[in-house]
Amino acid sequence: MEEIPGNWVFDYPLLEDIPVPGGRLPSLDSNFHVEFDNCFGNLDGTESGSRKRMRLGACGASDSKAFKEKMRRDKLNDRQAPILSHIYIFQELSSIIEPGRPPKTDKVVILNDAVNMVIQLRKEAQRLQESCNKLQDNVKELKAEKNEIREEKTKLKAEKDKLEQQLKALNPPPGFLPHIPPIPPPPQVISSKMGPFVGYPPFPMWQLMPPTAFDTSEDQSLRPPVA
């Protein structure tokens, strides 16, 4: 039996020297890429997870971009809000100062009008305050006069009551005295036969005559008859 040497492997040509039917194998170039699309299946799920992570990363990037844009707009709105509020305030102030007219846009003119109106309103308020103080003083004076009149009225009423009591004390009740009729006025012509008496009404009566008046013996000589 023929003895086989120990380095017999090197006596045979290498794998690359073996001819291949149908042409040569492609050269192992560094630019050569082989794609394996699920050749061995999804063995451990790492590929789907990586894809999901890639999709989530893309969504997160777009969300962060939208969030940044929203924040930028909010900051811009926050910066413009005071300006817009100031403009609205000045327009409102102009419409209050001059109602019925279109609002002004010049802030200096609006401020000057507002200052003038404030000065005018202060003067008007001071004038009204002075008139109010005068009215309060008048009210106090009227109250004092009213109190004085009330006190005087009370005093007059007390004096009246006192005088009435004095009159009642001076004029006692008539009691049992007869009623004396009033004396009538004397007539214009009083007869010689009527003699007045105090306290009695006049009535006719004969007056005292001398005794010679009753002697009728000499009537013919003293008083002749009328022819």
Protein backbone atom coordinates (compact mmCIF):
# COMPACT_ATOMS: atom_id res chain seq x y z
CA MET A 1 0.00 0.00 0.00
CA GLU A 2 1.24 3.37 -1.03
CA GLU A 3 2.02 5.73 1.80
CA ILE A 4 0.15 9.10 1.76
CA PRO A 5 2.31 12.06 2.57
CA GLY A 6 1.31 14.44 5.46
CA ASN A 7 1.03 17.55 3.27
CA TRP A 8 -1.19 16.08 0.68
CA VAL A 9 -3.71 18.90 0.96
CA PHE A 10 -1.38 21.37 -0.66
CA ASP A 11 -1.01 19.18 -3.66
CA TYR A 12 -4.58 19.93 -4.74
CA PRO A 13 -5.68 23.20 -6.21
CA LEU A 14 -7.60 25.66 -4.02
CA LEU A 15 -11.30 26.32 -4.21
CA GLU A 16 -10.93 29.34 -6.42
CA ASP A 17 -9.13 27.33 -9.03
CA ILE A 18 -12.04 24.93 -9.42
CA PRO A 19 -13.93 25.66 -12.63
CA VAL A 20 -17.58 26.53 -12.27
CA PRO A 21 -20.03 25.61 -14.96
CA GLY A 22 -21.68 28.53 -16.61
CA GLY A 23 -18.99 31.09 -15.93
CA ARG A 24 -16.86 32.43 -13.13
CA LEU A 25 -18.09 33.57 -9.71
CA PRO A 26 -18.41 37.29 -9.14
CA SER A 27 -15.38 38.93 -7.72
CA LEU A 28 -15.46 39.84 -4.05
CA ASP A 29 -15.46 43.59 -4.57
CA SER A 30 -15.96 45.99 -1.68
CA ASN A 31 -18.79 47.74 -3.54
CA PHE A 32 -20.71 44.56 -3.84
CA HIS A 33 -23.79 44.49 -1.53
CA VAL A 34 -26.18 41.70 -0.96
CA GLU A 35 -29.65 42.45 0.41
CA PHE A 36 -31.33 39.93 2.64
CA ASP A 37 -35.06 40.66 2.84
CA ASN A 38 -36.28 38.40 5.57
CA CYS A 39 -34.20 35.55 4.25
CA PHE A 40 -34.14 33.88 7.63
CA GLY A 41 -37.47 35.29 8.88
CA ASN A 42 -38.03 37.38 11.99
CA LEU A 43 -36.02 35.32 14.41
CA ASP A 44 -35.96 37.58 17.48
CA GLY A 45 -38.19 40.55 16.54
CA THR A 46 -35.32 43.01 16.62
CA GLU A 47 -35.88 44.21 13.08
CA SER A 48 -39.59 45.15 13.58
CA GLY A 49 -38.75 46.86 16.83
CA SER A 50 -36.04 48.89 15.17
CA ARG A 51 -38.47 49.89 12.44
CA LYS A 52 -41.01 50.93 15.03
CA ARG A 53 -38.37 52.91 16.83
CA MET A 54 -37.44 54.56 13.56
CA ARG A 55 -41.06 55.46 12.87
CA LEU A 56 -41.49 56.77 16.42
CA GLY A 57 -38.32 58.77 16.06
CA ALA A 58 -39.58 60.32 12.83
CA CYS A 59 -42.96 61.13 14.43
CA GLY A 60 -41.23 62.55 17.48
CA ALA A 61 -39.09 64.78 15.30
CA SER A 62 -42.14 66.08 13.42
CA ASP A 63 -44.02 66.59 16.70
CA SER A 64 -41.10 68.44 18.21
CA LYS A 65 -40.91 70.65 15.14
CA ALA A 66 -44.64 71.46 15.36
CA PHE A 67 -44.28 72.08 19.08
CA LYS A 68 -41.38 74.45 18.47
CA GLU A 69 -43.40 76.28 15.83
CA LYS A 70 -46.32 76.57 18.23
CA MET A 71 -44.04 77.89 20.96
CA ARG A 72 -42.58 80.43 18.55
CA ARG A 73 -46.06 81.63 17.59
CA ASP A 74 -47.11 81.82 21.23
CA LYS A 75 -44.07 83.90 22.07
CA LEU A 76 -44.78 86.16 19.13
CA ASN A 77 -48.38 86.53 20.24
CA ASP A 78 -47.24 87.26 23.78
CA ARG A 79 -44.96 89.97 22.46
CA GLN A 80 -47.67 91.47 20.29
CA ALA A 81 -50.42 91.19 22.93
CA PRO A 82 -49.28 94.24 24.97
CA ILE A 83 -49.01 96.31 21.81
CA LEU A 84 -52.48 95.29 20.68
CA SER A 85 -53.86 95.88 24.16
CA HIS A 86 -52.28 99.36 24.24
CA ILE A 87 -53.79 100.17 20.86
CA TYR A 88 -57.19 98.96 22.02
CA ILE A 89 -56.88 100.98 25.23
CA PHE A 90 -56.02 104.16 23.34
CA GLN A 91 -58.90 103.63 20.91
CA GLU A 92 -61.28 103.06 23.79
CA LEU A 93 -59.97 106.18 25.53
CA SER A 94 -60.44 108.23 22.37
CA SER A 95 -64.02 106.98 21.98
CA ILE A 96 -64.72 107.90 25.62
CA ILE A 97 -63.24 111.39 25.25
CA GLU A 98 -65.08 112.14 22.01
CA PRO A 99 -68.14 109.89 21.75
CA GLY A 100 -69.81 109.67 18.39
CA ARG A 101 -66.59 110.41 16.51
CA PRO A 102 -64.15 107.99 14.92
CA PRO A 103 -61.34 107.09 17.34
CA LYS A 104 -58.01 108.78 16.87
CA THR A 105 -54.78 106.91 16.26
CA ASP A 106 -52.23 109.45 17.47
CA LYS A 107 -51.34 108.55 21.04
CA VAL A 108 -49.97 112.00 21.88
CA VAL A 109 -53.19 113.72 20.82
CA ILE A 110 -55.26 111.18 22.74
CA LEU A 111 -53.15 111.69 25.87
CA ASN A 112 -53.42 115.49 25.61
CA ASP A 113 -57.20 115.26 25.25
CA ALA A 114 -57.34 112.89 28.22
CA VAL A 115 -55.23 115.23 30.37
CA ASN A 116 -57.42 118.21 29.47
CA MET A 117 -60.55 116.25 30.27
CA VAL A 118 -59.12 115.12 33.61
CA ILE A 119 -58.25 118.72 34.52
CA GLN A 120 -61.74 119.87 33.55
CA LEU A 121 -63.35 117.07 35.53
CA ARG A 122 -61.25 117.92 38.58
CA LYS A 123 -62.33 121.55 38.39
CA GLU A 124 -65.95 120.50 38.03
CA ALA A 125 -65.61 118.12 40.96
CA GLN A 126 -64.06 120.87 43.10
CA ARG A 127 -66.88 123.26 42.18
CA LEU A 128 -69.48 120.64 43.03
CA GLN A 129 -67.72 119.93 46.31
CA GLU A 130 -67.79 123.62 47.23
CA SER A 131 -71.48 123.90 46.36
CA CYS A 132 -72.17 120.75 48.38
CA ASN A 133 -70.35 122.24 51.37
CA LYS A 134 -72.39 125.45 51.04
CA LEU A 135 -75.60 123.47 50.92
CA GLN A 136 -74.57 121.53 54.00
CA ASP A 137 -73.88 124.82 55.82
CA ASN A 138 -77.29 126.12 54.77
CA VAL A 139 -78.92 122.94 55.99
CA LYS A 140 -77.19 123.30 59.35
CA GLU A 141 -78.33 126.93 59.63
CA LEU A 142 -81.90 125.98 58.75
CA LYS A 143 -81.85 123.21 61.34
CA ALA A 144 -80.60 125.66 63.97
CA GLU A 145 -83.34 128.16 63.04
CA LYS A 146 -85.92 125.40 63.16
CA ASN A 147 -84.78 124.40 66.63
CA GLU A 148 -84.93 128.04 67.77
CA ILE A 149 -88.45 128.44 66.36
CA ARG A 150 -89.51 125.23 68.07
CA GLU A 151 -88.13 126.44 71.40
CA GLU A 152 -89.83 129.82 70.96
CA LYS A 153 -93.09 128.11 70.12
CA THR A 154 -92.80 126.01 73.26
CA LYS A 155 -92.17 129.14 75.35
CA LEU A 156 -95.15 130.96 73.80
CA LYS A 157 -97.38 127.99 74.48
CA ALA A 158 -96.26 127.92 78.11
CA GLU A 159 -96.92 131.67 78.47
CA LYS A 160 -100.35 131.25 76.89
CA ASP A 161 -101.26 128.51 79.34
CA LYS A 162 -100.04 130.69 82.21
CA LEU A 163 -102.14 133.67 81.07
CA GLU A 164 -105.22 131.48 80.69
CA GLN A 165 -104.77 130.24 84.23
CA GLN A 166 -104.43 133.83 85.50
CA LEU A 167 -107.63 134.86 83.67
CA LYS A 168 -109.48 131.94 85.17
CA ALA A 169 -108.28 132.99 88.63
CA LEU A 170 -109.38 136.65 88.11
CA ASN A 171 -112.86 135.75 86.77
CA PRO A 172 -114.52 133.43 89.31
CA PRO A 173 -117.69 131.61 88.33
CA PRO A 174 -120.97 133.67 88.80
CA GLY A 175 -122.42 131.35 91.42
CA PHE A 176 -126.01 132.31 92.57
CA LEU A 177 -126.05 136.05 91.56
CA PRO A 178 -129.05 137.03 89.42
CA HIS A 179 -128.47 137.88 85.86
CA ILE A 180 -128.48 141.64 85.25
CA PRO A 181 -129.87 142.59 81.88
CA PRO A 182 -127.85 145.02 79.85
CA ILE A 183 -128.77 148.70 80.03
CA PRO A 184 -130.37 149.85 76.78
CA PRO A 185 -129.14 153.08 75.25
CA PRO A 186 -131.06 156.21 76.38
CA PRO A 187 -133.61 157.60 73.95
CA GLN A 188 -132.93 160.79 72.09
CA VAL A 189 -135.81 162.73 73.72
CA ILE A 190 -136.49 162.03 77.36
CA SER A 191 -139.73 163.28 78.80
CA SER A 192 -139.58 165.54 81.78
CA LYS A 193 -141.65 163.02 83.63
CA MET A 194 -139.03 160.33 83.21
CA GLY A 195 -136.32 160.26 85.75
CA PRO A 196 -133.31 158.02 85.31
CA PHE A 197 -132.20 155.76 88.11
CA VAL A 198 -128.91 154.02 88.11
CA GLY A 199 -129.23 150.33 87.66
CA TYR A 200 -132.83 150.45 86.49
CA PRO A 201 -134.30 151.12 83.10
CA PRO A 202 -135.95 154.55 82.63
CA PHE A 203 -139.68 154.74 83.25
CA PRO A 204 -142.06 157.77 83.48
CA MET A 205 -142.67 159.37 86.84
CA TRP A 206 -143.87 162.79 88.22
CA GLN A 207 -141.27 165.22 89.26
CA LEU A 208 -141.52 167.29 92.46
CA MET A 209 -143.55 170.55 91.81
CA PRO A 210 -143.92 173.65 94.02
CA PRO A 211 -147.33 174.19 95.69
CA THR A 212 -147.99 177.37 93.65
CA ALA A 213 -148.17 175.28 90.57
CA PHE A 214 -151.21 173.55 91.95
CA ASP A 215 -153.09 176.93 92.66
CA THR A 216 -155.62 177.51 89.86
CA SER A 217 -157.26 180.72 91.25
CA GLU A 218 -155.13 183.02 89.23
CA ASP A 219 -155.13 181.08 86.03
CA GLN A 220 -157.51 183.53 84.30
CA SER A 221 -155.23 186.49 84.94
CA LEU A 222 -151.99 184.71 84.44
CA ARG A 223 -153.06 182.56 81.53
CA PRO A 224 -155.98 184.22 79.66
CA PRO A 225 -157.84 182.01 77.32
CA VAL A 226 -156.98 182.19 73.69
CA ALA A 227 -159.55 184.12 71.67
